[in-house]
Amino acid sequence: MTDNLTGVWDGSYVQPGAGMVTFLATLIEARGAVSGSVTEPCVTPGCPLSTHNASLAGHRAGSTVSFVKRYEPPGYGYHTVHYEGTVNAEATEIDGRWRIPGTRFSGAFLMVRAGRAAETVATEEKIKAPAQ
């Protein structure tokens, strides 16, 4: 497995009042700069969008990664969100906290590198599952 964060990541974060929110992130790391995109469901009541898209921009220094997520378009209760986390030794997980500056909103997040192993497990589970 590579030490570089470039790739597809399955993530989740805890949002006060909404619970667990899952997302899909694509990260690109080059010389310590981290960029990418995120797709996640809209969980705000009355939100006219079913899915939110956001861009990511930040940096990595050793096992520390930080980035800012900017929703596109902004609105519907979604803002710029700051993330700070720690990358595990295998570069397969990023665990940390998010916060919205100027507010009390913050929580935990976890990102796990999407990969062949996860796909293999999902396929094996489908094979084992009885037909309905």
N, C-alpha and C. Protein backbone atom coordinates (compact mmCIF):
# COMPACT_ATOMS: atom_id res chain seq x y z
N MET A 1 0.86 -1.19 0.00
CA MET A 1 0.00 0.00 0.00
C MET A 1 0.89 1.24 0.00
N THR A 2 0.44 2.26 -0.64
CA THR A 2 1.21 3.49 -0.77
C THR A 2 1.06 4.39 0.45
N ASP A 3 2.06 5.22 0.68
CA ASP A 3 2.03 6.20 1.76
C ASP A 3 1.27 7.45 1.32
N ASN A 4 1.12 7.62 0.01
CA ASN A 4 0.44 8.78 -0.56
C ASN A 4 -1.06 8.66 -0.33
N LEU A 5 -1.74 9.79 -0.10
CA LEU A 5 -3.18 9.77 0.18
C LEU A 5 -4.05 9.76 -1.07
N THR A 6 -3.44 9.87 -2.25
CA THR A 6 -4.21 9.89 -3.49
C THR A 6 -5.05 8.62 -3.61
N GLY A 7 -6.34 8.81 -3.85
CA GLY A 7 -7.23 7.68 -4.01
C GLY A 7 -8.65 8.01 -3.58
N VAL A 8 -9.48 6.98 -3.54
CA VAL A 8 -10.88 7.11 -3.16
C VAL A 8 -11.02 6.65 -1.71
N TRP A 9 -11.78 7.42 -0.94
CA TRP A 9 -11.95 7.18 0.49
C TRP A 9 -13.43 7.16 0.84
N ASP A 10 -13.83 6.17 1.66
CA ASP A 10 -15.17 6.13 2.23
C ASP A 10 -15.09 6.82 3.58
N GLY A 11 -15.99 7.75 3.84
CA GLY A 11 -15.92 8.48 5.09
C GLY A 11 -17.25 8.59 5.79
N SER A 12 -17.16 9.00 7.04
CA SER A 12 -18.36 9.30 7.82
C SER A 12 -17.99 10.35 8.85
N TYR A 13 -18.98 11.15 9.20
CA TYR A 13 -18.80 12.11 10.28
C TYR A 13 -20.07 12.18 11.10
N VAL A 14 -19.92 12.62 12.33
CA VAL A 14 -21.06 12.75 13.22
C VAL A 14 -21.47 14.21 13.23
N GLN A 15 -22.72 14.47 12.87
CA GLN A 15 -23.25 15.84 12.84
C GLN A 15 -24.30 15.98 13.93
N PRO A 16 -24.11 16.95 14.84
CA PRO A 16 -25.10 17.14 15.91
C PRO A 16 -26.51 17.33 15.32
N GLY A 17 -27.46 16.59 15.86
CA GLY A 17 -28.85 16.69 15.41
C GLY A 17 -29.18 15.83 14.22
N ALA A 18 -28.15 15.34 13.50
CA ALA A 18 -28.41 14.52 12.32
C ALA A 18 -27.83 13.12 12.45
N GLY A 19 -26.87 12.94 13.34
CA GLY A 19 -26.25 11.63 13.50
C GLY A 19 -25.13 11.40 12.52
N MET A 20 -24.97 10.14 12.12
CA MET A 20 -23.88 9.74 11.24
C MET A 20 -24.21 10.07 9.79
N VAL A 21 -23.28 10.75 9.11
CA VAL A 21 -23.42 11.09 7.70
C VAL A 21 -22.27 10.43 6.96
N THR A 22 -22.57 9.70 5.89
CA THR A 22 -21.51 9.06 5.10
C THR A 22 -21.19 9.91 3.89
N PHE A 23 -19.96 9.78 3.41
CA PHE A 23 -19.55 10.53 2.22
C PHE A 23 -18.51 9.74 1.44
N LEU A 24 -18.29 10.15 0.21
CA LEU A 24 -17.27 9.57 -0.65
C LEU A 24 -16.32 10.69 -1.03
N ALA A 25 -15.03 10.49 -0.76
CA ALA A 25 -14.04 11.52 -1.07
C ALA A 25 -13.00 10.98 -2.04
N THR A 26 -12.56 11.83 -2.93
CA THR A 26 -11.44 11.54 -3.81
C THR A 26 -10.33 12.52 -3.44
N LEU A 27 -9.19 11.99 -3.02
CA LEU A 27 -8.07 12.84 -2.60
C LEU A 27 -6.94 12.75 -3.62
N ILE A 28 -6.23 13.86 -3.77
CA ILE A 28 -5.02 13.92 -4.58
C ILE A 28 -3.96 14.58 -3.71
N GLU A 29 -2.84 13.87 -3.49
CA GLU A 29 -1.74 14.43 -2.71
C GLU A 29 -0.53 14.59 -3.60
N ALA A 30 0.04 15.78 -3.59
CA ALA A 30 1.25 16.07 -4.36
C ALA A 30 2.14 17.01 -3.56
N ARG A 31 3.32 16.54 -3.18
CA ARG A 31 4.31 17.34 -2.45
C ARG A 31 3.71 18.00 -1.21
N GLY A 32 2.90 17.27 -0.47
CA GLY A 32 2.33 17.78 0.77
C GLY A 32 1.01 18.51 0.62
N ALA A 33 0.67 18.90 -0.61
CA ALA A 33 -0.62 19.56 -0.84
C ALA A 33 -1.68 18.48 -1.04
N VAL A 34 -2.85 18.69 -0.43
CA VAL A 34 -3.96 17.75 -0.57
C VAL A 34 -5.14 18.50 -1.18
N SER A 35 -5.72 17.93 -2.22
CA SER A 35 -6.92 18.51 -2.84
C SER A 35 -7.85 17.37 -3.17
N GLY A 36 -9.05 17.72 -3.60
CA GLY A 36 -9.99 16.67 -3.98
C GLY A 36 -11.42 17.12 -3.95
N SER A 37 -12.31 16.13 -3.88
CA SER A 37 -13.75 16.41 -3.90
C SER A 37 -14.48 15.43 -3.00
N VAL A 38 -15.69 15.84 -2.59
CA VAL A 38 -16.53 15.04 -1.71
C VAL A 38 -17.95 15.06 -2.25
N THR A 39 -18.62 13.92 -2.14
CA THR A 39 -20.04 13.81 -2.43
C THR A 39 -20.71 13.22 -1.20
N GLU A 40 -21.81 13.86 -0.75
CA GLU A 40 -22.52 13.39 0.44
C GLU A 40 -24.00 13.75 0.34
N PRO A 41 -24.84 13.02 1.07
CA PRO A 41 -26.28 13.33 1.04
C PRO A 41 -26.58 14.61 1.82
N CYS A 42 -27.63 15.30 1.44
CA CYS A 42 -28.10 16.45 2.20
C CYS A 42 -28.97 15.92 3.35
N VAL A 43 -28.62 16.27 4.59
CA VAL A 43 -29.37 15.78 5.75
C VAL A 43 -30.12 16.90 6.46
N THR A 44 -30.04 18.12 5.93
CA THR A 44 -30.76 19.24 6.53
C THR A 44 -32.24 19.14 6.17
N PRO A 45 -33.15 19.24 7.15
CA PRO A 45 -34.59 19.18 6.84
C PRO A 45 -34.97 20.24 5.80
N GLY A 46 -35.72 19.83 4.80
CA GLY A 46 -36.18 20.76 3.77
C GLY A 46 -35.15 21.08 2.71
N CYS A 47 -34.03 20.41 2.73
CA CYS A 47 -32.97 20.69 1.75
C CYS A 47 -33.47 20.32 0.35
N PRO A 48 -33.38 21.24 -0.62
CA PRO A 48 -33.86 20.93 -1.97
C PRO A 48 -32.89 20.06 -2.77
N LEU A 49 -31.69 19.83 -2.26
CA LEU A 49 -30.71 18.99 -2.94
C LEU A 49 -30.66 17.63 -2.28
N SER A 50 -30.58 16.57 -3.06
CA SER A 50 -30.44 15.25 -2.46
C SER A 50 -28.97 14.94 -2.17
N THR A 51 -28.08 15.54 -2.96
CA THR A 51 -26.64 15.29 -2.82
C THR A 51 -25.88 16.61 -2.85
N HIS A 52 -24.91 16.72 -1.96
CA HIS A 52 -24.02 17.88 -1.94
C HIS A 52 -22.67 17.50 -2.53
N ASN A 53 -22.08 18.43 -3.26
CA ASN A 53 -20.72 18.28 -3.75
C ASN A 53 -19.87 19.35 -3.08
N ALA A 54 -18.63 19.01 -2.79
CA ALA A 54 -17.73 19.96 -2.15
C ALA A 54 -16.32 19.74 -2.67
N SER A 55 -15.51 20.80 -2.60
CA SER A 55 -14.09 20.69 -2.96
C SER A 55 -13.27 20.66 -1.67
N LEU A 56 -12.10 20.06 -1.74
CA LEU A 56 -11.19 19.99 -0.61
C LEU A 56 -9.87 20.64 -0.99
N ALA A 57 -9.26 21.33 -0.03
CA ALA A 57 -7.92 21.88 -0.23
C ALA A 57 -7.24 21.95 1.12
N GLY A 58 -6.01 21.46 1.19
CA GLY A 58 -5.28 21.48 2.45
C GLY A 58 -3.87 20.99 2.28
N HIS A 59 -3.34 20.42 3.37
CA HIS A 59 -1.96 19.93 3.33
C HIS A 59 -1.76 18.78 4.30
N ARG A 60 -0.64 18.10 4.09
CA ARG A 60 -0.25 16.99 4.96
C ARG A 60 1.20 17.18 5.37
N ALA A 61 1.47 16.97 6.64
CA ALA A 61 2.83 16.98 7.17
C ALA A 61 2.99 15.74 8.03
N GLY A 62 3.71 14.74 7.53
CA GLY A 62 3.87 13.49 8.26
C GLY A 62 2.54 12.79 8.41
N SER A 63 2.14 12.53 9.65
CA SER A 63 0.86 11.84 9.88
C SER A 63 -0.30 12.80 10.11
N THR A 64 -0.04 14.11 10.04
CA THR A 64 -1.09 15.10 10.26
C THR A 64 -1.61 15.61 8.92
N VAL A 65 -2.93 15.61 8.78
CA VAL A 65 -3.54 16.13 7.57
C VAL A 65 -4.62 17.13 7.97
N SER A 66 -4.70 18.23 7.26
CA SER A 66 -5.76 19.20 7.49
C SER A 66 -6.23 19.73 6.14
N PHE A 67 -7.53 19.96 6.06
CA PHE A 67 -8.09 20.50 4.81
C PHE A 67 -9.38 21.24 5.11
N VAL A 68 -9.76 22.06 4.15
CA VAL A 68 -11.01 22.81 4.23
C VAL A 68 -11.93 22.27 3.15
N LYS A 69 -13.18 21.97 3.56
CA LYS A 69 -14.20 21.50 2.63
C LYS A 69 -15.12 22.67 2.33
N ARG A 70 -15.29 22.97 1.03
CA ARG A 70 -16.17 24.07 0.60
C ARG A 70 -17.30 23.49 -0.23
N TYR A 71 -18.53 23.67 0.27
CA TYR A 71 -19.69 23.16 -0.46
C TYR A 71 -19.94 23.99 -1.70
N GLU A 72 -20.33 23.32 -2.80
CA GLU A 72 -20.60 23.97 -4.08
C GLU A 72 -21.94 23.51 -4.63
N PRO A 73 -22.97 24.34 -4.67
CA PRO A 73 -22.96 25.72 -4.17
C PRO A 73 -23.14 25.74 -2.65
N PRO A 74 -22.69 26.82 -2.00
CA PRO A 74 -22.91 26.93 -0.56
C PRO A 74 -24.38 27.20 -0.27
N GLY A 75 -24.77 26.98 0.98
CA GLY A 75 -26.15 27.26 1.37
C GLY A 75 -26.83 26.06 1.96
N TYR A 76 -28.11 26.19 2.18
CA TYR A 76 -28.95 25.14 2.76
C TYR A 76 -28.40 24.67 4.11
N GLY A 77 -27.78 25.59 4.85
CA GLY A 77 -27.22 25.24 6.15
C GLY A 77 -25.84 24.63 6.07
N TYR A 78 -25.25 24.54 4.88
CA TYR A 78 -23.92 23.97 4.71
C TYR A 78 -22.92 25.09 4.51
N HIS A 79 -21.76 24.95 5.14
CA HIS A 79 -20.76 26.00 5.18
C HIS A 79 -19.40 25.44 4.78
N THR A 80 -18.40 26.30 4.95
CA THR A 80 -17.02 25.86 4.85
C THR A 80 -16.69 25.12 6.14
N VAL A 81 -16.12 23.93 6.03
CA VAL A 81 -15.84 23.09 7.19
C VAL A 81 -14.35 22.77 7.23
N HIS A 82 -13.74 22.91 8.40
CA HIS A 82 -12.32 22.62 8.59
C HIS A 82 -12.15 21.24 9.21
N TYR A 83 -11.25 20.45 8.65
CA TYR A 83 -10.97 19.10 9.12
C TYR A 83 -9.51 19.00 9.54
N GLU A 84 -9.25 18.33 10.66
CA GLU A 84 -7.89 18.02 11.09
C GLU A 84 -7.87 16.58 11.55
N GLY A 85 -6.91 15.81 11.04
CA GLY A 85 -6.87 14.40 11.39
C GLY A 85 -5.48 13.83 11.37
N THR A 86 -5.42 12.55 11.73
CA THR A 86 -4.18 11.81 11.77
C THR A 86 -4.29 10.62 10.82
N VAL A 87 -3.26 10.45 10.00
CA VAL A 87 -3.19 9.33 9.07
C VAL A 87 -2.50 8.17 9.78
N ASN A 88 -3.07 6.96 9.66
CA ASN A 88 -2.43 5.81 10.30
C ASN A 88 -1.15 5.43 9.53
N ALA A 89 -0.35 4.53 10.12
CA ALA A 89 0.96 4.16 9.56
C ALA A 89 0.86 3.56 8.15
N GLU A 90 -0.25 2.87 7.85
CA GLU A 90 -0.42 2.24 6.54
C GLU A 90 -1.05 3.19 5.51
N ALA A 91 -1.41 4.41 5.94
CA ALA A 91 -2.09 5.39 5.08
C ALA A 91 -3.40 4.84 4.54
N THR A 92 -4.12 4.10 5.41
CA THR A 92 -5.41 3.53 5.01
C THR A 92 -6.57 4.15 5.79
N GLU A 93 -6.27 4.95 6.83
CA GLU A 93 -7.32 5.61 7.62
C GLU A 93 -6.88 7.01 8.01
N ILE A 94 -7.85 7.90 8.05
CA ILE A 94 -7.66 9.25 8.57
C ILE A 94 -8.74 9.46 9.61
N ASP A 95 -8.34 9.75 10.83
CA ASP A 95 -9.24 9.87 11.96
C ASP A 95 -9.04 11.25 12.58
N GLY A 96 -10.14 11.98 12.83
CA GLY A 96 -9.95 13.30 13.41
C GLY A 96 -11.25 14.00 13.75
N ARG A 97 -11.18 15.33 13.70
CA ARG A 97 -12.33 16.17 14.05
C ARG A 97 -12.57 17.22 12.98
N TRP A 98 -13.83 17.59 12.82
CA TRP A 98 -14.22 18.68 11.93
C TRP A 98 -14.81 19.78 12.78
N ARG A 99 -14.81 21.00 12.23
CA ARG A 99 -15.42 22.13 12.92
C ARG A 99 -15.82 23.20 11.90
N ILE A 100 -16.86 23.94 12.25
CA ILE A 100 -17.28 25.08 11.45
C ILE A 100 -16.83 26.32 12.21
N PRO A 101 -15.85 27.06 11.69
CA PRO A 101 -15.33 28.23 12.39
C PRO A 101 -16.43 29.24 12.70
N GLY A 102 -16.35 29.84 13.88
CA GLY A 102 -17.31 30.85 14.29
C GLY A 102 -18.59 30.28 14.86
N THR A 103 -18.66 28.94 14.98
CA THR A 103 -19.84 28.29 15.55
C THR A 103 -19.37 27.27 16.59
N ARG A 104 -20.35 26.67 17.25
CA ARG A 104 -20.03 25.58 18.19
C ARG A 104 -20.09 24.22 17.51
N PHE A 105 -20.40 24.19 16.22
CA PHE A 105 -20.55 22.92 15.52
C PHE A 105 -19.19 22.26 15.28
N SER A 106 -19.07 21.02 15.75
CA SER A 106 -17.87 20.21 15.53
C SER A 106 -18.22 18.76 15.80
N GLY A 107 -17.35 17.87 15.41
CA GLY A 107 -17.58 16.45 15.64
C GLY A 107 -16.44 15.61 15.11
N ALA A 108 -16.60 14.32 15.22
CA ALA A 108 -15.58 13.36 14.79
C ALA A 108 -15.81 12.96 13.33
N PHE A 109 -14.71 12.57 12.67
CA PHE A 109 -14.84 12.00 11.33
C PHE A 109 -13.83 10.86 11.19
N LEU A 110 -14.12 9.97 10.25
CA LEU A 110 -13.24 8.86 9.93
C LEU A 110 -13.31 8.63 8.43
N MET A 111 -12.13 8.51 7.81
CA MET A 111 -12.05 8.18 6.39
C MET A 111 -11.23 6.90 6.25
N VAL A 112 -11.72 5.95 5.44
CA VAL A 112 -11.05 4.68 5.22
C VAL A 112 -10.83 4.54 3.72
N ARG A 113 -9.60 4.23 3.35
CA ARG A 113 -9.28 4.09 1.92
C ARG A 113 -10.15 2.99 1.32
N ALA A 114 -10.86 3.33 0.26
CA ALA A 114 -11.66 2.35 -0.47
C ALA A 114 -10.69 1.52 -1.29
N GLY A 115 -10.91 0.23 -1.32
CA GLY A 115 -9.95 -0.58 -2.06
C GLY A 115 -10.47 -1.94 -2.40
N ARG A 116 -9.61 -2.70 -3.00
CA ARG A 116 -9.92 -4.04 -3.46
C ARG A 116 -10.37 -4.94 -2.32
N ALA A 117 -9.74 -4.81 -1.17
CA ALA A 117 -10.12 -5.67 -0.04
C ALA A 117 -11.58 -5.45 0.34
N ALA A 118 -12.00 -4.18 0.42
CA ALA A 118 -13.39 -3.89 0.78
C ALA A 118 -14.34 -4.41 -0.30
N GLU A 119 -13.96 -4.25 -1.56
CA GLU A 119 -14.80 -4.74 -2.65
C GLU A 119 -14.91 -6.26 -2.60
N THR A 120 -13.80 -6.93 -2.30
CA THR A 120 -13.80 -8.38 -2.22
C THR A 120 -14.71 -8.86 -1.10
N VAL A 121 -14.63 -8.21 0.06
CA VAL A 121 -15.49 -8.58 1.19
C VAL A 121 -16.95 -8.39 0.81
N ALA A 122 -17.29 -7.27 0.17
CA ALA A 122 -18.68 -7.01 -0.22
C ALA A 122 -19.16 -8.08 -1.21
N THR A 123 -18.32 -8.45 -2.16
CA THR A 123 -18.69 -9.46 -3.14
C THR A 123 -18.90 -10.82 -2.46
N GLU A 124 -17.99 -11.17 -1.54
CA GLU A 124 -18.12 -12.44 -0.82
C GLU A 124 -19.42 -12.47 -0.01
N GLU A 125 -19.79 -11.34 0.61
CA GLU A 125 -21.04 -11.28 1.38
C GLU A 125 -22.24 -11.47 0.47
N LYS A 126 -22.20 -10.91 -0.74
CA LYS A 126 -23.30 -11.08 -1.69
C LYS A 126 -23.44 -12.55 -2.09
N ILE A 127 -22.31 -13.20 -2.27
CA ILE A 127 -22.33 -14.61 -2.67
C ILE A 127 -22.94 -15.46 -1.56
N LYS A 128 -22.60 -15.13 -0.29
CA LYS A 128 -23.09 -15.89 0.85
C LYS A 128 -24.57 -15.62 1.15
N ALA A 129 -25.05 -14.43 0.77
CA ALA A 129 -26.42 -14.04 1.09
C ALA A 129 -27.41 -14.91 0.32
N PRO A 130 -28.47 -15.37 0.99
CA PRO A 130 -29.46 -16.18 0.29
C PRO A 130 -30.25 -15.31 -0.70
N ALA A 131 -30.62 -15.88 -1.80
CA ALA A 131 -31.41 -15.16 -2.82
C ALA A 131 -32.79 -14.86 -2.25
N GLN A 132 -33.29 -13.69 -2.60
CA GLN A 132 -34.61 -13.28 -2.09
C GLN A 132 -35.63 -13.26 -3.19
